[in-house]
Amino acid sequence: MACILSSDFTLPCRRSMGGVQKVYITELENTSTLTVASGVATVFSLTGSKRFFTYNLTMGGSSASATIGGDRAVGSRFYTHSVSIQLPKFETAIRNEILVLGQVTSQIIVLDSNGKYFLYGGYRGVEISEGSGQTGTASADLSGFTITFSGDELDLPIEIPSAMIATLTA
């Protein structure tokens, strides 16, 4: 199959902001159907009564990215999906949830600061690759946890239409 460039790229209006508002997390094995057309999910359903759990985040502490990787010599190409979340409060309930998250392969839907939803780890999942918990030193320091999930996929993150979120989190 030939890969042919198919469109021009113009600069959009300057109305974009970095950051993550929320993430929604479920186990990868909960996905029943995921159908994608042109980078946007057209069908996304979970098995039985499974759902995505909502993690509300403070602004300025969390991020999501996809890094292009590969090896020209062997013709490979992949995208490393990475989601880093900051959970304020250094407390037992959060600690216990992190222990569970560390044992599963997850899918994460990220709600960015522009109101767009993107699925990270859509087909192969993401796992905790690093993290820390700290009390902080100064009064303004984080007393809480920072966790990074990462995993390799064949494509960039998948856009999830906002209309699907209510069903996926119910």
C-alpha atoms as a PDB file:
ATOM      1  CA  MET A   1       0.000   0.000   0.000  1.00  0.00           C
ATOM      2  CA  ALA A   2       1.382   3.388  -0.983  1.00  0.00           C
ATOM      3  CA  CYS A   3       1.227   6.174   1.564  1.00  0.00           C
ATOM      4  CA  ILE A   4       0.310   9.345  -0.304  1.00  0.00           C
ATOM      5  CA  LEU A   5       0.062  12.860   1.126  1.00  0.00           C
ATOM      6  CA  SER A   6      -3.485  14.038   0.685  1.00  0.00           C
ATOM      7  CA  SER A   7      -3.974  17.524   2.102  1.00  0.00           C
ATOM      8  CA  ASP A   8      -2.442  20.909   2.818  1.00  0.00           C
ATOM      9  CA  PHE A   9      -2.048  22.274   6.322  1.00  0.00           C
ATOM     10  CA  THR A  10      -2.966  25.839   7.208  1.00  0.00           C
ATOM     11  CA  LEU A  11      -2.477  27.511  10.558  1.00  0.00           C
ATOM     12  CA  PRO A  12      -5.667  27.494  12.617  1.00  0.00           C
ATOM     13  CA  CYS A  13      -6.922  30.436  14.645  1.00  0.00           C
ATOM     14  CA  ARG A  14      -4.896  30.921  17.829  1.00  0.00           C
ATOM     15  CA  ARG A  15      -7.446  29.579  20.253  1.00  0.00           C
ATOM     16  CA  SER A  16      -5.814  26.620  21.921  1.00  0.00           C
ATOM     17  CA  MET A  17      -4.656  25.966  25.459  1.00  0.00           C
ATOM     18  CA  GLY A  18      -2.504  23.263  27.047  1.00  0.00           C
ATOM     19  CA  GLY A  19      -3.497  21.098  29.990  1.00  0.00           C
ATOM     20  CA  VAL A  20      -5.839  18.373  31.149  1.00  0.00           C
ATOM     21  CA  GLN A  21      -9.156  18.883  32.966  1.00  0.00           C
ATOM     22  CA  LYS A  22     -10.145  15.265  33.680  1.00  0.00           C
ATOM     23  CA  VAL A  23      -9.242  11.719  32.843  1.00  0.00           C
ATOM     24  CA  TYR A  24     -11.526   8.700  32.624  1.00  0.00           C
ATOM     25  CA  ILE A  25      -9.937   5.310  33.294  1.00  0.00           C
ATOM     26  CA  THR A  26     -11.057   1.726  32.730  1.00  0.00           C
ATOM     27  CA  GLU A  27      -9.341  -1.622  32.264  1.00  0.00           C
ATOM     28  CA  LEU A  28      -8.406  -2.426  28.652  1.00  0.00           C
ATOM     29  CA  GLU A  29     -10.257  -5.745  28.852  1.00  0.00           C
ATOM     30  CA  ASN A  30     -13.556  -3.894  29.431  1.00  0.00           C
ATOM     31  CA  THR A  31     -13.733  -2.748  25.795  1.00  0.00           C
ATOM     32  CA  SER A  32     -16.309  -4.627  23.752  1.00  0.00           C
ATOM     33  CA  THR A  33     -16.191  -2.625  20.500  1.00  0.00           C
ATOM     34  CA  LEU A  34     -13.996   0.219  19.273  1.00  0.00           C
ATOM     35  CA  THR A  35     -14.502   1.334  15.668  1.00  0.00           C
ATOM     36  CA  VAL A  36     -12.519   4.284  14.326  1.00  0.00           C
ATOM     37  CA  ALA A  37     -12.805   6.272  11.076  1.00  0.00           C
ATOM     38  CA  SER A  38     -10.258   8.982  10.213  1.00  0.00           C
ATOM     39  CA  GLY A  39      -8.987   9.132  13.802  1.00  0.00           C
ATOM     40  CA  VAL A  40     -12.426   9.547  15.430  1.00  0.00           C
ATOM     41  CA  ALA A  41     -14.311   6.813  17.293  1.00  0.00           C
ATOM     42  CA  THR A  42     -17.629   6.016  15.604  1.00  0.00           C
ATOM     43  CA  VAL A  43     -18.548   3.108  17.912  1.00  0.00           C
ATOM     44  CA  PHE A  44     -17.173   2.589  21.428  1.00  0.00           C
ATOM     45  CA  SER A  45     -18.820   0.235  23.890  1.00  0.00           C
ATOM     46  CA  LEU A  46     -17.830  -1.594  27.049  1.00  0.00           C
ATOM     47  CA  THR A  47     -18.793  -5.079  28.206  1.00  0.00           C
ATOM     48  CA  GLY A  48     -21.729  -5.563  30.586  1.00  0.00           C
ATOM     49  CA  SER A  49     -21.937  -2.927  33.291  1.00  0.00           C
ATOM     50  CA  LYS A  50     -18.281  -1.847  32.988  1.00  0.00           C
ATOM     51  CA  ARG A  51     -17.557   1.869  32.800  1.00  0.00           C
ATOM     52  CA  PHE A  52     -14.830   4.503  32.823  1.00  0.00           C
ATOM     53  CA  PHE A  53     -14.126   6.038  36.246  1.00  0.00           C
ATOM     54  CA  THR A  54     -13.781   9.838  36.418  1.00  0.00           C
ATOM     55  CA  TYR A  55     -10.696  11.472  37.923  1.00  0.00           C
ATOM     56  CA  ASN A  56     -11.146  15.226  38.359  1.00  0.00           C
ATOM     57  CA  LEU A  57      -7.803  17.015  38.215  1.00  0.00           C
ATOM     58  CA  THR A  58      -6.435  20.379  39.248  1.00  0.00           C
ATOM     59  CA  MET A  59      -5.336  22.583  36.350  1.00  0.00           C
ATOM     60  CA  GLY A  60      -1.631  22.814  35.688  1.00  0.00           C
ATOM     61  CA  GLY A  61      -0.580  19.448  37.083  1.00  0.00           C
ATOM     62  CA  SER A  62      -1.449  16.874  34.430  1.00  0.00           C
ATOM     63  CA  SER A  63      -0.571  16.281  30.784  1.00  0.00           C
ATOM     64  CA  ALA A  64      -0.944  13.862  27.887  1.00  0.00           C
ATOM     65  CA  SER A  65       1.298  13.270  24.887  1.00  0.00           C
ATOM     66  CA  ALA A  66       2.045  10.944  21.998  1.00  0.00           C
ATOM     67  CA  THR A  67       5.637  10.572  20.854  1.00  0.00           C
ATOM     68  CA  ILE A  68       6.524   9.153  17.434  1.00  0.00           C
ATOM     69  CA  GLY A  69       9.029   6.312  17.476  1.00  0.00           C
ATOM     70  CA  GLY A  70      10.327   3.640  15.176  1.00  0.00           C
ATOM     71  CA  ASP A  71      13.305   2.254  13.343  1.00  0.00           C
ATOM     72  CA  ARG A  72      13.898   3.188   9.727  1.00  0.00           C
ATOM     73  CA  ALA A  73      16.166   0.188   9.149  1.00  0.00           C
ATOM     74  CA  VAL A  74      13.402  -2.307   9.926  1.00  0.00           C
ATOM     75  CA  GLY A  75      10.468  -0.167   8.780  1.00  0.00           C
ATOM     76  CA  SER A  76       8.706   0.091  12.128  1.00  0.00           C
ATOM     77  CA  ARG A  77       6.601   3.028  13.320  1.00  0.00           C
ATOM     78  CA  PHE A  78       4.748   3.383  16.609  1.00  0.00           C
ATOM     79  CA  TYR A  79       3.410   6.077  18.919  1.00  0.00           C
ATOM     80  CA  THR A  80       4.144   6.097  22.637  1.00  0.00           C
ATOM     81  CA  HIS A  81       1.053   7.287  24.490  1.00  0.00           C
ATOM     82  CA  SER A  82       1.780   8.947  27.822  1.00  0.00           C
ATOM     83  CA  VAL A  83      -0.618  10.385  30.405  1.00  0.00           C
ATOM     84  CA  SER A  84       0.698  11.975  33.591  1.00  0.00           C
ATOM     85  CA  ILE A  85      -1.793  12.848  36.325  1.00  0.00           C
ATOM     86  CA  GLN A  86      -1.341  14.667  39.595  1.00  0.00           C
ATOM     87  CA  LEU A  87      -3.607  13.609  42.473  1.00  0.00           C
ATOM     88  CA  PRO A  88      -3.551  16.080  45.360  1.00  0.00           C
ATOM     89  CA  LYS A  89      -3.810  14.762  48.924  1.00  0.00           C
ATOM     90  CA  PHE A  90      -1.369  12.250  50.304  1.00  0.00           C
ATOM     91  CA  GLU A  91      -3.936   9.864  51.749  1.00  0.00           C
ATOM     92  CA  THR A  92      -4.721   6.162  52.039  1.00  0.00           C
ATOM     93  CA  ALA A  93      -7.739   6.020  49.665  1.00  0.00           C
ATOM     94  CA  ILE A  94      -5.655   7.438  46.809  1.00  0.00           C
ATOM     95  CA  ARG A  95      -2.723   5.161  47.695  1.00  0.00           C
ATOM     96  CA  ASN A  96      -5.002   2.123  47.513  1.00  0.00           C
ATOM     97  CA  GLU A  97      -6.414   3.151  44.127  1.00  0.00           C
ATOM     98  CA  ILE A  98      -2.874   3.588  42.775  1.00  0.00           C
ATOM     99  CA  LEU A  99      -2.024   0.055  43.924  1.00  0.00           C
ATOM    100  CA  VAL A 100      -4.959  -1.278  41.870  1.00  0.00           C
ATOM    101  CA  LEU A 101      -4.060   0.886  38.844  1.00  0.00           C
ATOM    102  CA  GLY A 102      -0.538  -0.529  39.001  1.00  0.00           C
ATOM    103  CA  GLN A 103      -1.844  -4.061  38.482  1.00  0.00           C
ATOM    104  CA  VAL A 104      -3.971  -3.507  35.358  1.00  0.00           C
ATOM    105  CA  THR A 105      -3.592  -2.419  31.751  1.00  0.00           C
ATOM    106  CA  SER A 106      -5.817   0.608  31.232  1.00  0.00           C
ATOM    107  CA  GLN A 107      -7.430   2.816  28.633  1.00  0.00           C
ATOM    108  CA  ILE A 108      -7.548   6.515  29.476  1.00  0.00           C
ATOM    109  CA  ILE A 109      -9.798   9.141  27.961  1.00  0.00           C
ATOM    110  CA  VAL A 110      -8.308  12.609  28.434  1.00  0.00           C
ATOM    111  CA  LEU A 111     -10.470  15.736  28.473  1.00  0.00           C
ATOM    112  CA  ASP A 112      -8.061  18.476  27.450  1.00  0.00           C
ATOM    113  CA  SER A 113      -8.317  22.183  28.189  1.00  0.00           C
ATOM    114  CA  ASN A 114      -9.862  22.774  24.765  1.00  0.00           C
ATOM    115  CA  GLY A 115     -12.863  20.573  25.561  1.00  0.00           C
ATOM    116  CA  LYS A 116     -11.699  17.681  23.347  1.00  0.00           C
ATOM    117  CA  TYR A 117     -11.662  14.022  24.405  1.00  0.00           C
ATOM    118  CA  PHE A 118      -8.868  11.669  23.310  1.00  0.00           C
ATOM    119  CA  LEU A 119      -8.364   7.980  24.009  1.00  0.00           C
ATOM    120  CA  TYR A 120      -4.864   6.891  25.029  1.00  0.00           C
ATOM    121  CA  GLY A 121      -4.015   3.190  24.910  1.00  0.00           C
ATOM    122  CA  GLY A 122      -7.035   2.395  22.772  1.00  0.00           C
ATOM    123  CA  TYR A 123      -5.938  -1.002  21.483  1.00  0.00           C
ATOM    124  CA  ARG A 124      -2.884  -2.102  23.475  1.00  0.00           C
ATOM    125  CA  GLY A 125      -3.484  -0.109  26.656  1.00  0.00           C
ATOM    126  CA  VAL A 126      -1.285   1.927  28.957  1.00  0.00           C
ATOM    127  CA  GLU A 127       0.252   0.948  32.274  1.00  0.00           C
ATOM    128  CA  ILE A 128       1.823   2.852  35.146  1.00  0.00           C
ATOM    129  CA  SER A 129       5.431   3.404  34.094  1.00  0.00           C
ATOM    130  CA  GLU A 130       6.454   5.709  36.923  1.00  0.00           C
ATOM    131  CA  GLY A 131       5.061   7.627  39.834  1.00  0.00           C
ATOM    132  CA  SER A 132       5.757   9.198  43.175  1.00  0.00           C
ATOM    133  CA  GLY A 133       4.017  10.234  46.350  1.00  0.00           C
ATOM    134  CA  GLN A 134       5.279  13.131  48.386  1.00  0.00           C
ATOM    135  CA  THR A 135       4.354  15.355  51.286  1.00  0.00           C
ATOM    136  CA  GLY A 136       6.150  18.393  49.899  1.00  0.00           C
ATOM    137  CA  THR A 137       8.507  20.711  51.767  1.00  0.00           C
ATOM    138  CA  ALA A 138       7.070  24.214  51.475  1.00  0.00           C
ATOM    139  CA  SER A 139       3.450  25.147  52.119  1.00  0.00           C
ATOM    140  CA  ALA A 140       2.747  25.524  48.376  1.00  0.00           C
ATOM    141  CA  ASP A 141       4.323  22.164  47.415  1.00  0.00           C
ATOM    142  CA  LEU A 142       2.287  19.184  46.228  1.00  0.00           C
ATOM    143  CA  SER A 143       1.230  16.864  48.987  1.00  0.00           C
ATOM    144  CA  GLY A 144      -0.045  14.001  46.872  1.00  0.00           C
ATOM    145  CA  PHE A 145       0.801  11.663  44.030  1.00  0.00           C
ATOM    146  CA  THR A 146       2.012  11.970  40.457  1.00  0.00           C
ATOM    147  CA  ILE A 147       1.499   8.937  38.206  1.00  0.00           C
ATOM    148  CA  THR A 148       2.544   8.410  34.589  1.00  0.00           C
ATOM    149  CA  PHE A 149       0.894   5.821  32.345  1.00  0.00           C
ATOM    150  CA  SER A 150       2.516   4.842  29.064  1.00  0.00           C
ATOM    151  CA  GLY A 151       2.201   2.333  26.246  1.00  0.00           C
ATOM    152  CA  ASP A 152       2.899   1.905  22.548  1.00  0.00           C
ATOM    153  CA  GLU A 153       0.179   2.005  19.896  1.00  0.00           C
ATOM    154  CA  LEU A 154       0.106   1.820  16.098  1.00  0.00           C
ATOM    155  CA  ASP A 155      -1.658   5.210  15.847  1.00  0.00           C
ATOM    156  CA  LEU A 156      -1.950   8.564  17.566  1.00  0.00           C
ATOM    157  CA  PRO A 157      -4.641   8.970  20.267  1.00  0.00           C
ATOM    158  CA  ILE A 158      -8.223   8.558  19.042  1.00  0.00           C
ATOM    159  CA  GLU A 159     -10.696  11.428  19.337  1.00  0.00           C
ATOM    160  CA  ILE A 160     -13.833  10.472  21.259  1.00  0.00           C
ATOM    161  CA  PRO A 161     -16.981  12.483  20.432  1.00  0.00           C
ATOM    162  CA  SER A 162     -18.326  14.229  23.545  1.00  0.00           C
ATOM    163  CA  ALA A 163     -21.731  12.568  23.015  1.00  0.00           C
ATOM    164  CA  MET A 164     -20.162   9.175  23.866  1.00  0.00           C
ATOM    165  CA  ILE A 165     -18.794  10.210  27.282  1.00  0.00           C
ATOM    166  CA  ALA A 166     -22.061   9.983  29.231  1.00  0.00           C
ATOM    167  CA  THR A 167     -22.615   6.392  28.049  1.00  0.00           C
ATOM    168  CA  LEU A 168     -19.010   5.340  28.753  1.00  0.00           C
ATOM    169  CA  THR A 169     -19.072   6.747  32.313  1.00  0.00           C
ATOM    170  CA  ALA A 170     -22.586   5.598  33.337  1.00  0.00           C
END
